[in-house]
Amino acid sequence: MQRILDLGCGTGDSWRFFGSQAEDWQIVGIDLGQDRLRTASLKYSERGWRYVCARGESIPLRDGSVHGVISQVALPYMHIPRTLAELHRVLVPGGWLKATLHPPRFTWREFRRSFPGPKATLFRSFVVLNGMIFHVSGRVLSLGNVAESCQTDRGIRIALRRAGFVEVSLRHDGIKFLVEARRET
């Protein structure tokens, strides 16, 4: 049985998106939304899956305690380099990561929708700037606990490599793109 971390688990259904055989999995989901965690627990606790309120930048699991990580569009809302370092820490050597991300066109669409609201436009400007910084350096800026960004192939490759991931594979699928990688052995 593989122990799997569902990063930003929401209501617990992320595993369905990845088309995985979850019957061989022992899932631990983390999310910030208490209501979503309660819903996930109600749906899947009979399987022995558990759900915890936590941030991706500070995962409350032991080093090398999970075989894989799934994350459906949660990573873009986190401090990606810190979260990838945490994922590397909790994965066993050779463990895998499957995550969906937001490409720049999603962020541009959200930026256009933010007009004419000054607060929303300012925030979306920060996200665009953070995406540019991420593209060039694989790093992001934080404003307190906020580090949202858009991702590019180049930026995520840099960030994954820096965090110790190998065998990076990227596949674009409409408004999201899928990233797969392994922790080095």
Protein backbone atom coordinates (compact mmCIF):
# COMPACT_ATOMS: atom_id res chain seq x y z
CA MET A 1 0.00 0.00 0.00
CA GLN A 2 1.39 3.38 -1.03
CA ARG A 3 1.06 6.38 1.25
CA ILE A 4 0.06 9.42 -0.85
CA LEU A 5 -0.05 13.10 0.08
CA ASP A 6 -2.90 15.06 -1.50
CA LEU A 7 -1.59 18.64 -1.38
CA GLY A 8 -4.48 21.12 -1.33
CA CYS A 9 -6.92 18.22 -1.15
CA GLY A 10 -10.11 20.30 -1.08
CA THR A 11 -13.05 17.93 -0.64
CA GLY A 12 -10.84 14.88 -1.21
CA ASP A 13 -11.51 14.09 -4.87
CA SER A 14 -8.17 15.11 -6.43
CA TRP A 15 -7.15 11.49 -6.93
CA ARG A 16 -9.98 11.07 -9.46
CA PHE A 17 -8.46 13.74 -11.74
CA PHE A 18 -5.19 11.86 -11.94
CA GLY A 19 -6.95 8.64 -12.98
CA SER A 20 -5.21 6.71 -10.28
CA GLN A 21 -5.99 3.35 -8.70
CA ALA A 22 -6.60 4.81 -5.26
CA GLU A 23 -7.65 1.47 -3.75
CA ASP A 24 -3.91 0.77 -3.26
CA TRP A 25 -3.40 4.16 -1.62
CA GLN A 26 -3.41 5.43 1.94
CA ILE A 27 -4.13 9.14 1.41
CA VAL A 28 -3.20 11.96 3.75
CA GLY A 29 -4.77 15.21 2.54
CA ILE A 30 -3.79 18.69 3.61
CA ASP A 31 -5.72 21.89 2.96
CA LEU A 32 -6.42 25.19 4.69
CA GLY A 33 -10.22 24.99 4.42
CA GLN A 34 -11.80 23.38 7.48
CA ASP A 35 -15.14 22.90 5.68
CA ARG A 36 -13.45 21.17 2.74
CA LEU A 37 -11.47 18.95 5.12
CA ARG A 38 -14.64 17.93 6.96
CA THR A 39 -16.30 17.05 3.65
CA ALA A 40 -13.29 14.98 2.56
CA SER A 41 -13.22 13.18 5.89
CA LEU A 42 -16.93 12.37 5.70
CA LYS A 43 -16.46 10.92 2.21
CA TYR A 44 -13.28 8.91 2.70
CA SER A 45 -12.50 8.30 6.38
CA GLU A 46 -13.95 4.77 6.11
CA ARG A 47 -11.01 4.02 3.79
CA GLY A 48 -8.63 5.07 6.54
CA TRP A 49 -7.71 8.28 4.74
CA ARG A 50 -7.07 11.26 6.94
CA TYR A 51 -7.21 14.99 6.40
CA VAL A 52 -5.24 17.69 8.19
CA CYS A 53 -5.34 21.49 8.19
CA ALA A 54 -1.84 22.53 7.09
CA ARG A 55 0.10 24.66 4.61
CA GLY A 56 2.18 23.18 1.80
CA GLU A 57 5.14 25.22 3.04
CA SER A 58 5.05 23.36 6.39
CA ILE A 59 3.83 19.79 5.96
CA PRO A 60 3.24 17.96 9.28
CA LEU A 61 4.66 14.61 8.11
CA ARG A 62 7.92 12.81 8.84
CA ASP A 63 10.84 12.86 6.41
CA GLY A 64 10.53 10.17 3.73
CA SER A 65 7.01 9.18 4.81
CA VAL A 66 5.08 9.29 1.49
CA HIS A 67 5.53 7.47 -1.81
CA GLY A 68 3.77 10.04 -3.96
CA VAL A 69 2.18 13.47 -4.03
CA ILE A 70 -0.82 14.66 -6.02
CA SER A 71 -1.89 18.28 -6.24
CA GLN A 72 -4.65 19.62 -8.42
CA VAL A 73 -4.06 23.34 -9.02
CA ALA A 74 -3.05 24.06 -5.41
CA LEU A 75 0.68 24.68 -5.87
CA PRO A 76 0.17 28.01 -7.74
CA TYR A 77 -1.31 29.49 -4.56
CA MET A 78 1.68 28.51 -2.43
CA HIS A 79 5.29 29.62 -2.12
CA ILE A 80 6.40 27.09 -4.73
CA PRO A 81 10.12 26.77 -3.83
CA ARG A 82 9.35 26.26 -0.12
CA THR A 83 6.58 23.81 -0.90
CA LEU A 84 8.75 21.82 -3.32
CA ALA A 85 11.45 21.61 -0.63
CA GLU A 86 8.82 20.26 1.79
CA LEU A 87 7.56 17.76 -0.80
CA HIS A 88 11.12 16.60 -1.39
CA ARG A 89 11.56 16.17 2.36
CA VAL A 90 8.42 14.05 2.89
CA LEU A 91 8.87 11.88 -0.23
CA VAL A 92 10.80 8.63 -0.10
CA PRO A 93 13.84 8.49 -2.42
CA GLY A 94 12.43 7.89 -5.91
CA GLY A 95 8.97 9.08 -4.81
CA TRP A 96 6.80 10.80 -7.38
CA LEU A 97 4.98 14.09 -7.78
CA LYS A 98 1.99 14.79 -10.05
CA ALA A 99 0.64 18.34 -10.02
CA THR A 100 -1.43 20.61 -12.20
CA LEU A 101 -0.46 24.27 -12.53
CA HIS A 102 -1.76 27.53 -14.02
CA PRO A 103 -0.04 28.67 -17.21
CA PRO A 104 0.41 32.41 -17.87
CA ARG A 105 -2.71 32.62 -20.08
CA PHE A 106 -4.89 31.74 -17.06
CA THR A 107 -3.30 34.58 -15.09
CA TRP A 108 -3.70 37.04 -17.99
CA ARG A 109 -7.39 36.11 -18.19
CA GLU A 110 -7.79 36.71 -14.44
CA PHE A 111 -5.85 39.97 -14.75
CA ARG A 112 -8.23 41.25 -17.48
CA ARG A 113 -11.24 40.24 -15.35
CA SER A 114 -9.93 42.21 -12.37
CA PHE A 115 -10.56 45.58 -14.06
CA PRO A 116 -11.73 48.12 -13.01
CA GLY A 117 -11.38 47.07 -9.34
CA PRO A 118 -8.20 48.72 -8.00
CA LYS A 119 -7.60 46.16 -5.25
CA ALA A 120 -8.16 43.16 -7.54
CA THR A 121 -6.04 44.75 -10.30
CA LEU A 122 -3.21 45.42 -7.86
CA PHE A 123 -3.29 41.83 -6.61
CA ARG A 124 -3.38 40.39 -10.15
CA SER A 125 -0.43 42.67 -11.03
CA PHE A 126 1.47 41.07 -8.15
CA VAL A 127 0.59 37.58 -9.49
CA VAL A 128 1.79 38.51 -13.00
CA LEU A 129 5.03 39.99 -11.61
CA ASN A 130 5.56 36.90 -9.47
CA GLY A 131 5.02 34.74 -12.56
CA MET A 132 7.70 36.67 -14.43
CA ILE A 133 10.12 36.31 -11.53
CA PHE A 134 9.29 32.59 -11.35
CA HIS A 135 9.88 32.19 -15.09
CA VAL A 136 13.34 33.77 -14.91
CA SER A 137 14.57 32.38 -11.59
CA GLY A 138 12.29 29.59 -10.31
CA ARG A 139 11.71 31.73 -7.23
CA VAL A 140 8.72 33.78 -6.01
CA LEU A 141 8.07 36.80 -3.83
CA SER A 142 5.88 36.62 -0.72
CA LEU A 143 3.61 39.17 0.83
CA GLY A 144 3.07 37.57 4.22
CA ASN A 145 1.56 34.16 3.45
CA VAL A 146 0.65 35.16 -0.11
CA ALA A 147 2.98 34.00 -2.89
CA GLU A 148 0.55 33.25 -5.76
CA SER A 149 2.11 33.13 -9.21
CA CYS A 150 1.58 31.75 -12.69
CA GLN A 151 3.97 29.09 -13.90
CA THR A 152 5.93 28.45 -17.05
CA ASP A 153 7.74 25.35 -18.21
CA ARG A 154 11.08 27.06 -17.65
CA GLY A 155 10.24 28.33 -14.16
CA ILE A 156 8.87 25.03 -12.85
CA ARG A 157 11.83 23.10 -14.28
CA ILE A 158 14.24 25.43 -12.47
CA ALA A 159 12.30 25.20 -9.19
CA LEU A 160 11.97 21.40 -9.36
CA ARG A 161 15.66 20.90 -10.17
CA ARG A 162 16.67 23.23 -7.34
CA ALA A 163 14.47 21.24 -4.91
CA GLY A 164 16.09 17.92 -5.92
CA PHE A 165 13.56 16.53 -8.41
CA VAL A 166 14.53 14.64 -11.55
CA GLU A 167 12.74 13.07 -14.53
CA VAL A 168 10.63 16.20 -14.99
CA SER A 169 7.83 15.84 -17.53
CA LEU A 170 5.42 18.60 -18.58
CA ARG A 171 2.21 18.19 -20.55
CA HIS A 172 -0.13 21.02 -21.51
CA ASP A 173 -3.87 20.39 -21.47
CA GLY A 174 -5.95 23.48 -22.14
CA ILE A 175 -6.00 25.93 -19.23
CA LYS A 176 -3.88 23.71 -16.94
CA PHE A 177 -0.67 21.87 -17.35
CA LEU A 178 0.49 18.68 -15.73
CA VAL A 179 3.90 18.34 -14.11
CA GLU A 180 5.37 14.97 -13.19
CA ALA A 181 8.70 14.48 -11.46
CA ARG A 182 10.56 12.17 -9.10
CA ARG A 183 12.62 12.81 -6.02
CA GLU A 184 16.19 11.77 -6.76
CA THR A 185 17.13 8.37 -5.31
